[in-house]
Protein backbone atom coordinates (compact mmCIF):
# COMPACT_ATOMS: atom_id res chain seq x y z
CA UNK A 1 0.00 0.00 0.00
CA UNK A 2 1.00 3.56 -0.66
CA UNK A 3 0.40 6.48 1.67
CA UNK A 4 -0.73 10.06 1.21
CA UNK A 5 0.00 12.44 4.07
CA UNK A 6 -2.24 15.48 4.57
CA UNK A 7 -2.65 18.32 7.01
CA UNK A 8 -4.79 16.93 9.81
CA UNK A 9 -8.42 18.04 10.19
CA UNK A 10 -8.54 19.51 6.67
CA UNK A 11 -11.33 17.52 5.05
CA UNK A 12 -12.57 19.08 1.79
CA UNK A 13 -9.85 21.76 1.83
CA UNK A 14 -7.77 21.93 -1.32
CA UNK A 15 -3.98 21.96 -1.21
CA UNK A 16 -3.49 20.09 2.06
CA UNK A 17 -1.28 17.29 0.70
CA UNK A 18 2.03 17.29 2.56
CA UNK A 19 3.95 14.17 1.54
CA UNK A 20 3.56 10.85 -0.26
CA UNK A 21 5.17 7.51 0.60
CA UNK A 22 5.36 4.50 -1.67
CA UNK A 23 5.41 1.96 1.16
CA UNK A 24 5.50 1.55 4.93
CA UNK A 25 9.28 1.86 5.08
CA UNK A 26 9.25 5.18 3.22
CA UNK A 27 6.42 6.39 5.46
CA UNK A 28 8.39 5.49 8.57
CA UNK A 29 11.39 7.47 7.27
CA UNK A 30 9.65 10.75 6.43
CA UNK A 31 10.96 12.76 9.39
CA UNK A 32 7.43 13.48 10.61
CA UNK A 33 5.39 12.73 13.70
CA UNK A 34 2.69 10.63 12.06
CA UNK A 35 0.08 11.48 14.69
CA UNK A 36 0.25 15.12 13.56
CA UNK A 37 -1.04 14.27 10.06
CA UNK A 38 -3.94 12.59 8.31
CA UNK A 39 -2.50 9.51 6.57
CA UNK A 40 -4.60 7.78 3.94
CA UNK A 41 -3.69 4.47 2.31
CA UNK A 42 -4.36 4.13 -1.40
CA UNK A 43 -3.38 2.00 -4.37
CA UNK A 44 0.01 1.75 -6.01
CA UNK A 45 -1.54 2.85 -9.30
CA UNK A 46 -2.82 6.12 -7.78
CA UNK A 47 0.56 6.63 -6.13
CA UNK A 48 2.32 6.17 -9.47
CA UNK A 49 -0.01 8.63 -11.20
CA UNK A 50 0.79 11.28 -8.57
CA UNK A 51 4.50 10.42 -8.40
CA UNK A 52 4.86 10.75 -12.18
CA UNK A 53 2.90 14.00 -12.34
CA UNK A 54 -0.07 12.60 -14.28
CA UNK A 55 -2.53 13.43 -11.51
CA UNK A 56 -2.46 15.82 -8.63
CA UNK A 57 -4.23 15.55 -5.32
CA UNK A 58 -6.98 18.08 -4.91
CA UNK A 59 -8.25 17.23 -1.40
CA UNK A 60 -9.49 14.47 0.83
CA UNK A 61 -12.79 13.75 2.56
CA UNK A 62 -12.65 11.21 5.39
CA UNK A 63 -10.45 8.55 3.74
CA UNK A 64 -11.29 9.32 0.11
CA UNK A 65 -8.80 11.29 -1.99
CA UNK A 66 -9.93 13.46 -4.91
CA UNK A 67 -7.52 13.33 -7.84
CA UNK A 68 -7.44 15.64 -10.85
CA UNK A 69 -5.75 14.92 -14.17
CA UNK A 70 -2.56 16.93 -14.55
CA UNK A 71 -1.26 18.40 -17.77
CA UNK A 72 2.44 19.14 -17.54
CA UNK A 73 4.05 21.31 -20.18
CA UNK A 74 7.53 22.75 -20.23
CA UNK A 75 7.40 25.10 -23.19
CA UNK A 76 11.12 25.82 -23.19
CA UNK A 77 14.45 24.96 -21.65
CA UNK A 78 14.26 27.80 -19.11
CA UNK A 79 11.01 26.49 -17.59
CA UNK A 80 12.44 23.00 -17.20
CA UNK A 81 15.69 24.39 -15.83
CA UNK A 82 13.81 26.44 -13.21
CA UNK A 83 11.83 23.35 -12.15
CA UNK A 84 15.01 21.27 -12.02
CA UNK A 85 16.93 23.86 -9.97
CA UNK A 86 14.09 24.17 -7.45
CA UNK A 87 13.96 20.38 -7.06
CA UNK A 88 17.77 20.15 -6.68
CA UNK A 89 17.79 22.92 -4.05
CA UNK A 90 15.28 21.01 -1.91
CA UNK A 91 17.19 17.74 -2.26
CA UNK A 92 20.47 19.47 -1.41
CA UNK A 93 18.99 20.94 1.77
CA UNK A 94 17.85 17.47 2.79
CA UNK A 95 21.17 15.74 2.00
CA UNK A 96 23.26 18.47 3.64
CA UNK A 97 21.28 18.14 6.87
CA UNK A 98 20.61 14.39 6.92
CA UNK A 99 23.83 12.57 6.08
CA UNK A 100 22.89 9.65 8.37
CA UNK A 101 19.30 9.33 7.17
CA UNK A 102 18.28 5.90 5.86
CA UNK A 103 17.18 7.47 2.52
CA UNK A 104 20.27 9.67 2.12
CA UNK A 105 21.80 7.56 -0.68
CA UNK A 106 18.56 7.46 -2.68
CA UNK A 107 18.25 11.22 -2.64
CA UNK A 108 21.94 11.92 -3.09
CA UNK A 109 21.99 9.66 -6.16
CA UNK A 110 18.88 11.36 -7.51
CA UNK A 111 20.52 14.74 -6.98
CA UNK A 112 23.49 13.54 -9.03
CA UNK A 113 21.11 12.28 -11.73
CA UNK A 114 19.32 15.64 -11.85
CA UNK A 115 22.58 17.55 -11.79
CA UNK A 116 23.95 15.63 -14.77
CA UNK A 117 20.71 15.84 -16.77
CA UNK A 118 21.31 17.44 -20.16
CA UNK A 119 18.55 19.98 -20.76
CA UNK A 120 19.62 20.25 -24.40
CA UNK A 121 18.71 16.60 -24.96
CA UNK A 122 15.00 17.50 -24.71
CA UNK A 123 12.80 18.52 -27.62
CA UNK A 124 10.62 21.41 -26.48
CA UNK A 125 7.87 21.72 -25.66
CA UNK A 126 8.08 18.76 -23.29
CA UNK A 127 4.50 17.73 -22.63
CA UNK A 128 5.15 15.46 -19.66
CA UNK A 129 6.67 15.74 -16.23
CA UNK A 130 10.36 15.28 -15.62
CA UNK A 131 9.45 12.29 -13.44
CA UNK A 132 7.51 10.71 -16.33
CA UNK A 133 10.41 11.45 -18.69
CA UNK A 134 12.87 9.63 -16.42
CA UNK A 135 10.42 6.77 -15.93
CA UNK A 136 10.04 6.43 -19.71
CA UNK A 137 13.84 6.15 -19.98
CA UNK A 138 13.95 3.46 -17.27
CA UNK A 139 15.77 5.78 -14.85
CA UNK A 140 14.94 6.38 -11.19
CA UNK A 141 12.15 8.87 -10.73
CA UNK A 142 10.95 10.58 -7.56
CA UNK A 143 8.43 13.25 -6.77
CA UNK A 144 9.32 16.16 -4.50
CA UNK A 145 6.51 15.04 -2.17
CA UNK A 146 8.53 11.89 -1.45
CA UNK A 147 11.46 13.85 -0.02
CA UNK A 148 11.75 13.26 3.75
C-alpha atoms as a PDB file:
ATOM      1  CA  UNK A   1       0.000   0.000   0.000  1.00  0.00           C
ATOM      2  CA  UNK A   2       1.000   3.563  -0.664  1.00  0.00           C
ATOM      3  CA  UNK A   3       0.396   6.482   1.667  1.00  0.00           C
ATOM      4  CA  UNK A   4      -0.729  10.061   1.211  1.00  0.00           C
ATOM      5  CA  UNK A   5      -0.003  12.440   4.071  1.00  0.00           C
ATOM      6  CA  UNK A   6      -2.238  15.479   4.565  1.00  0.00           C
ATOM      7  CA  UNK A   7      -2.648  18.315   7.013  1.00  0.00           C
ATOM      8  CA  UNK A   8      -4.790  16.928   9.811  1.00  0.00           C
ATOM      9  CA  UNK A   9      -8.420  18.041  10.187  1.00  0.00           C
ATOM     10  CA  UNK A  10      -8.544  19.508   6.675  1.00  0.00           C
ATOM     11  CA  UNK A  11     -11.329  17.520   5.045  1.00  0.00           C
ATOM     12  CA  UNK A  12     -12.566  19.080   1.794  1.00  0.00           C
ATOM     13  CA  UNK A  13      -9.851  21.757   1.830  1.00  0.00           C
ATOM     14  CA  UNK A  14      -7.767  21.927  -1.323  1.00  0.00           C
ATOM     15  CA  UNK A  15      -3.980  21.963  -1.208  1.00  0.00           C
ATOM     16  CA  UNK A  16      -3.494  20.093   2.060  1.00  0.00           C
ATOM     17  CA  UNK A  17      -1.278  17.294   0.699  1.00  0.00           C
ATOM     18  CA  UNK A  18       2.033  17.291   2.562  1.00  0.00           C
ATOM     19  CA  UNK A  19       3.948  14.166   1.540  1.00  0.00           C
ATOM     20  CA  UNK A  20       3.558  10.848  -0.260  1.00  0.00           C
ATOM     21  CA  UNK A  21       5.166   7.515   0.597  1.00  0.00           C
ATOM     22  CA  UNK A  22       5.355   4.499  -1.665  1.00  0.00           C
ATOM     23  CA  UNK A  23       5.411   1.962   1.163  1.00  0.00           C
ATOM     24  CA  UNK A  24       5.499   1.551   4.934  1.00  0.00           C
ATOM     25  CA  UNK A  25       9.284   1.855   5.076  1.00  0.00           C
ATOM     26  CA  UNK A  26       9.254   5.176   3.218  1.00  0.00           C
ATOM     27  CA  UNK A  27       6.420   6.394   5.463  1.00  0.00           C
ATOM     28  CA  UNK A  28       8.391   5.495   8.569  1.00  0.00           C
ATOM     29  CA  UNK A  29      11.393   7.467   7.269  1.00  0.00           C
ATOM     30  CA  UNK A  30       9.654  10.749   6.428  1.00  0.00           C
ATOM     31  CA  UNK A  31      10.964  12.760   9.389  1.00  0.00           C
ATOM     32  CA  UNK A  32       7.428  13.479  10.615  1.00  0.00           C
ATOM     33  CA  UNK A  33       5.391  12.733  13.696  1.00  0.00           C
ATOM     34  CA  UNK A  34       2.690  10.625  12.059  1.00  0.00           C
ATOM     35  CA  UNK A  35       0.082  11.483  14.692  1.00  0.00           C
ATOM     36  CA  UNK A  36       0.249  15.121  13.565  1.00  0.00           C
ATOM     37  CA  UNK A  37      -1.038  14.268  10.059  1.00  0.00           C
ATOM     38  CA  UNK A  38      -3.944  12.589   8.305  1.00  0.00           C
ATOM     39  CA  UNK A  39      -2.500   9.511   6.567  1.00  0.00           C
ATOM     40  CA  UNK A  40      -4.603   7.776   3.935  1.00  0.00           C
ATOM     41  CA  UNK A  41      -3.695   4.468   2.308  1.00  0.00           C
ATOM     42  CA  UNK A  42      -4.363   4.132  -1.404  1.00  0.00           C
ATOM     43  CA  UNK A  43      -3.382   1.998  -4.369  1.00  0.00           C
ATOM     44  CA  UNK A  44       0.015   1.752  -6.007  1.00  0.00           C
ATOM     45  CA  UNK A  45      -1.543   2.849  -9.297  1.00  0.00           C
ATOM     46  CA  UNK A  46      -2.816   6.115  -7.781  1.00  0.00           C
ATOM     47  CA  UNK A  47       0.557   6.630  -6.130  1.00  0.00           C
ATOM     48  CA  UNK A  48       2.325   6.167  -9.475  1.00  0.00           C
ATOM     49  CA  UNK A  49      -0.008   8.630 -11.198  1.00  0.00           C
ATOM     50  CA  UNK A  50       0.795  11.280  -8.573  1.00  0.00           C
ATOM     51  CA  UNK A  51       4.497  10.424  -8.403  1.00  0.00           C
ATOM     52  CA  UNK A  52       4.864  10.751 -12.179  1.00  0.00           C
ATOM     53  CA  UNK A  53       2.896  13.998 -12.345  1.00  0.00           C
ATOM     54  CA  UNK A  54      -0.066  12.604 -14.277  1.00  0.00           C
ATOM     55  CA  UNK A  55      -2.527  13.432 -11.507  1.00  0.00           C
ATOM     56  CA  UNK A  56      -2.457  15.819  -8.631  1.00  0.00           C
ATOM     57  CA  UNK A  57      -4.229  15.548  -5.325  1.00  0.00           C
ATOM     58  CA  UNK A  58      -6.976  18.079  -4.910  1.00  0.00           C
ATOM     59  CA  UNK A  59      -8.247  17.231  -1.405  1.00  0.00           C
ATOM     60  CA  UNK A  60      -9.493  14.466   0.831  1.00  0.00           C
ATOM     61  CA  UNK A  61     -12.790  13.750   2.558  1.00  0.00           C
ATOM     62  CA  UNK A  62     -12.647  11.208   5.388  1.00  0.00           C
ATOM     63  CA  UNK A  63     -10.455   8.546   3.741  1.00  0.00           C
ATOM     64  CA  UNK A  64     -11.286   9.316   0.110  1.00  0.00           C
ATOM     65  CA  UNK A  65      -8.804  11.288  -1.990  1.00  0.00           C
ATOM     66  CA  UNK A  66      -9.928  13.456  -4.909  1.00  0.00           C
ATOM     67  CA  UNK A  67      -7.519  13.328  -7.837  1.00  0.00           C
ATOM     68  CA  UNK A  68      -7.436  15.640 -10.853  1.00  0.00           C
ATOM     69  CA  UNK A  69      -5.747  14.923 -14.166  1.00  0.00           C
ATOM     70  CA  UNK A  70      -2.556  16.931 -14.545  1.00  0.00           C
ATOM     71  CA  UNK A  71      -1.259  18.399 -17.772  1.00  0.00           C
ATOM     72  CA  UNK A  72       2.442  19.141 -17.544  1.00  0.00           C
ATOM     73  CA  UNK A  73       4.048  21.305 -20.182  1.00  0.00           C
ATOM     74  CA  UNK A  74       7.533  22.755 -20.232  1.00  0.00           C
ATOM     75  CA  UNK A  75       7.396  25.104 -23.192  1.00  0.00           C
ATOM     76  CA  UNK A  76      11.119  25.824 -23.190  1.00  0.00           C
ATOM     77  CA  UNK A  77      14.454  24.963 -21.654  1.00  0.00           C
ATOM     78  CA  UNK A  78      14.256  27.801 -19.106  1.00  0.00           C
ATOM     79  CA  UNK A  79      11.014  26.489 -17.591  1.00  0.00           C
ATOM     80  CA  UNK A  80      12.442  22.996 -17.196  1.00  0.00           C
ATOM     81  CA  UNK A  81      15.691  24.386 -15.828  1.00  0.00           C
ATOM     82  CA  UNK A  82      13.808  26.437 -13.211  1.00  0.00           C
ATOM     83  CA  UNK A  83      11.830  23.353 -12.153  1.00  0.00           C
ATOM     84  CA  UNK A  84      15.011  21.273 -12.017  1.00  0.00           C
ATOM     85  CA  UNK A  85      16.930  23.859  -9.974  1.00  0.00           C
ATOM     86  CA  UNK A  86      14.095  24.168  -7.455  1.00  0.00           C
ATOM     87  CA  UNK A  87      13.961  20.382  -7.061  1.00  0.00           C
ATOM     88  CA  UNK A  88      17.770  20.154  -6.683  1.00  0.00           C
ATOM     89  CA  UNK A  89      17.789  22.922  -4.051  1.00  0.00           C
ATOM     90  CA  UNK A  90      15.281  21.008  -1.910  1.00  0.00           C
ATOM     91  CA  UNK A  91      17.189  17.745  -2.264  1.00  0.00           C
ATOM     92  CA  UNK A  92      20.475  19.473  -1.415  1.00  0.00           C
ATOM     93  CA  UNK A  93      18.992  20.936   1.770  1.00  0.00           C
ATOM     94  CA  UNK A  94      17.851  17.465   2.787  1.00  0.00           C
ATOM     95  CA  UNK A  95      21.169  15.736   1.997  1.00  0.00           C
ATOM     96  CA  UNK A  96      23.257  18.466   3.635  1.00  0.00           C
ATOM     97  CA  UNK A  97      21.281  18.136   6.871  1.00  0.00           C
ATOM     98  CA  UNK A  98      20.606  14.387   6.923  1.00  0.00           C
ATOM     99  CA  UNK A  99      23.825  12.566   6.079  1.00  0.00           C
ATOM    100  CA  UNK A 100      22.890   9.651   8.368  1.00  0.00           C
ATOM    101  CA  UNK A 101      19.299   9.329   7.165  1.00  0.00           C
ATOM    102  CA  UNK A 102      18.277   5.900   5.856  1.00  0.00           C
ATOM    103  CA  UNK A 103      17.184   7.466   2.523  1.00  0.00           C
ATOM    104  CA  UNK A 104      20.269   9.668   2.118  1.00  0.00           C
ATOM    105  CA  UNK A 105      21.802   7.563  -0.684  1.00  0.00           C
ATOM    106  CA  UNK A 106      18.557   7.457  -2.678  1.00  0.00           C
ATOM    107  CA  UNK A 107      18.249  11.222  -2.639  1.00  0.00           C
ATOM    108  CA  UNK A 108      21.942  11.918  -3.089  1.00  0.00           C
ATOM    109  CA  UNK A 109      21.991   9.657  -6.156  1.00  0.00           C
ATOM    110  CA  UNK A 110      18.884  11.356  -7.512  1.00  0.00           C
ATOM    111  CA  UNK A 111      20.521  14.739  -6.977  1.00  0.00           C
ATOM    112  CA  UNK A 112      23.494  13.541  -9.031  1.00  0.00           C
ATOM    113  CA  UNK A 113      21.109  12.282 -11.734  1.00  0.00           C
ATOM    114  CA  UNK A 114      19.319  15.639 -11.852  1.00  0.00           C
ATOM    115  CA  UNK A 115      22.582  17.554 -11.794  1.00  0.00           C
ATOM    116  CA  UNK A 116      23.948  15.633 -14.766  1.00  0.00           C
ATOM    117  CA  UNK A 117      20.713  15.837 -16.766  1.00  0.00           C
ATOM    118  CA  UNK A 118      21.311  17.436 -20.161  1.00  0.00           C
ATOM    119  CA  UNK A 119      18.549  19.979 -20.761  1.00  0.00           C
ATOM    120  CA  UNK A 120      19.622  20.252 -24.396  1.00  0.00           C
ATOM    121  CA  UNK A 121      18.705  16.596 -24.957  1.00  0.00           C
ATOM    122  CA  UNK A 122      15.002  17.495 -24.713  1.00  0.00           C
ATOM    123  CA  UNK A 123      12.798  18.520 -27.616  1.00  0.00           C
ATOM    124  CA  UNK A 124      10.618  21.413 -26.475  1.00  0.00           C
ATOM    125  CA  UNK A 125       7.867  21.723 -25.664  1.00  0.00           C
ATOM    126  CA  UNK A 126       8.082  18.763 -23.287  1.00  0.00           C
ATOM    127  CA  UNK A 127       4.503  17.732 -22.631  1.00  0.00           C
ATOM    128  CA  UNK A 128       5.152  15.461 -19.658  1.00  0.00           C
ATOM    129  CA  UNK A 129       6.672  15.740 -16.229  1.00  0.00           C
ATOM    130  CA  UNK A 130      10.357  15.276 -15.619  1.00  0.00           C
ATOM    131  CA  UNK A 131       9.448  12.291 -13.442  1.00  0.00           C
ATOM    132  CA  UNK A 132       7.515  10.714 -16.326  1.00  0.00           C
ATOM    133  CA  UNK A 133      10.412  11.452 -18.687  1.00  0.00           C
ATOM    134  CA  UNK A 134      12.869   9.629 -16.419  1.00  0.00           C
ATOM    135  CA  UNK A 135      10.424   6.775 -15.934  1.00  0.00           C
ATOM    136  CA  UNK A 136      10.041   6.428 -19.707  1.00  0.00           C
ATOM    137  CA  UNK A 137      13.842   6.150 -19.976  1.00  0.00           C
ATOM    138  CA  UNK A 138      13.951   3.458 -17.271  1.00  0.00           C
ATOM    139  CA  UNK A 139      15.767   5.779 -14.848  1.00  0.00           C
ATOM    140  CA  UNK A 140      14.938   6.376 -11.195  1.00  0.00           C
ATOM    141  CA  UNK A 141      12.150   8.871 -10.733  1.00  0.00           C
ATOM    142  CA  UNK A 142      10.954  10.581  -7.558  1.00  0.00           C
ATOM    143  CA  UNK A 143       8.427  13.246  -6.767  1.00  0.00           C
ATOM    144  CA  UNK A 144       9.324  16.161  -4.497  1.00  0.00           C
ATOM    145  CA  UNK A 145       6.513  15.038  -2.173  1.00  0.00           C
ATOM    146  CA  UNK A 146       8.533  11.894  -1.447  1.00  0.00           C
ATOM    147  CA  UNK A 147      11.458  13.855  -0.022  1.00  0.00           C
ATOM    148  CA  UNK A 148      11.751  13.258   3.748  1.00  0.00           C
END
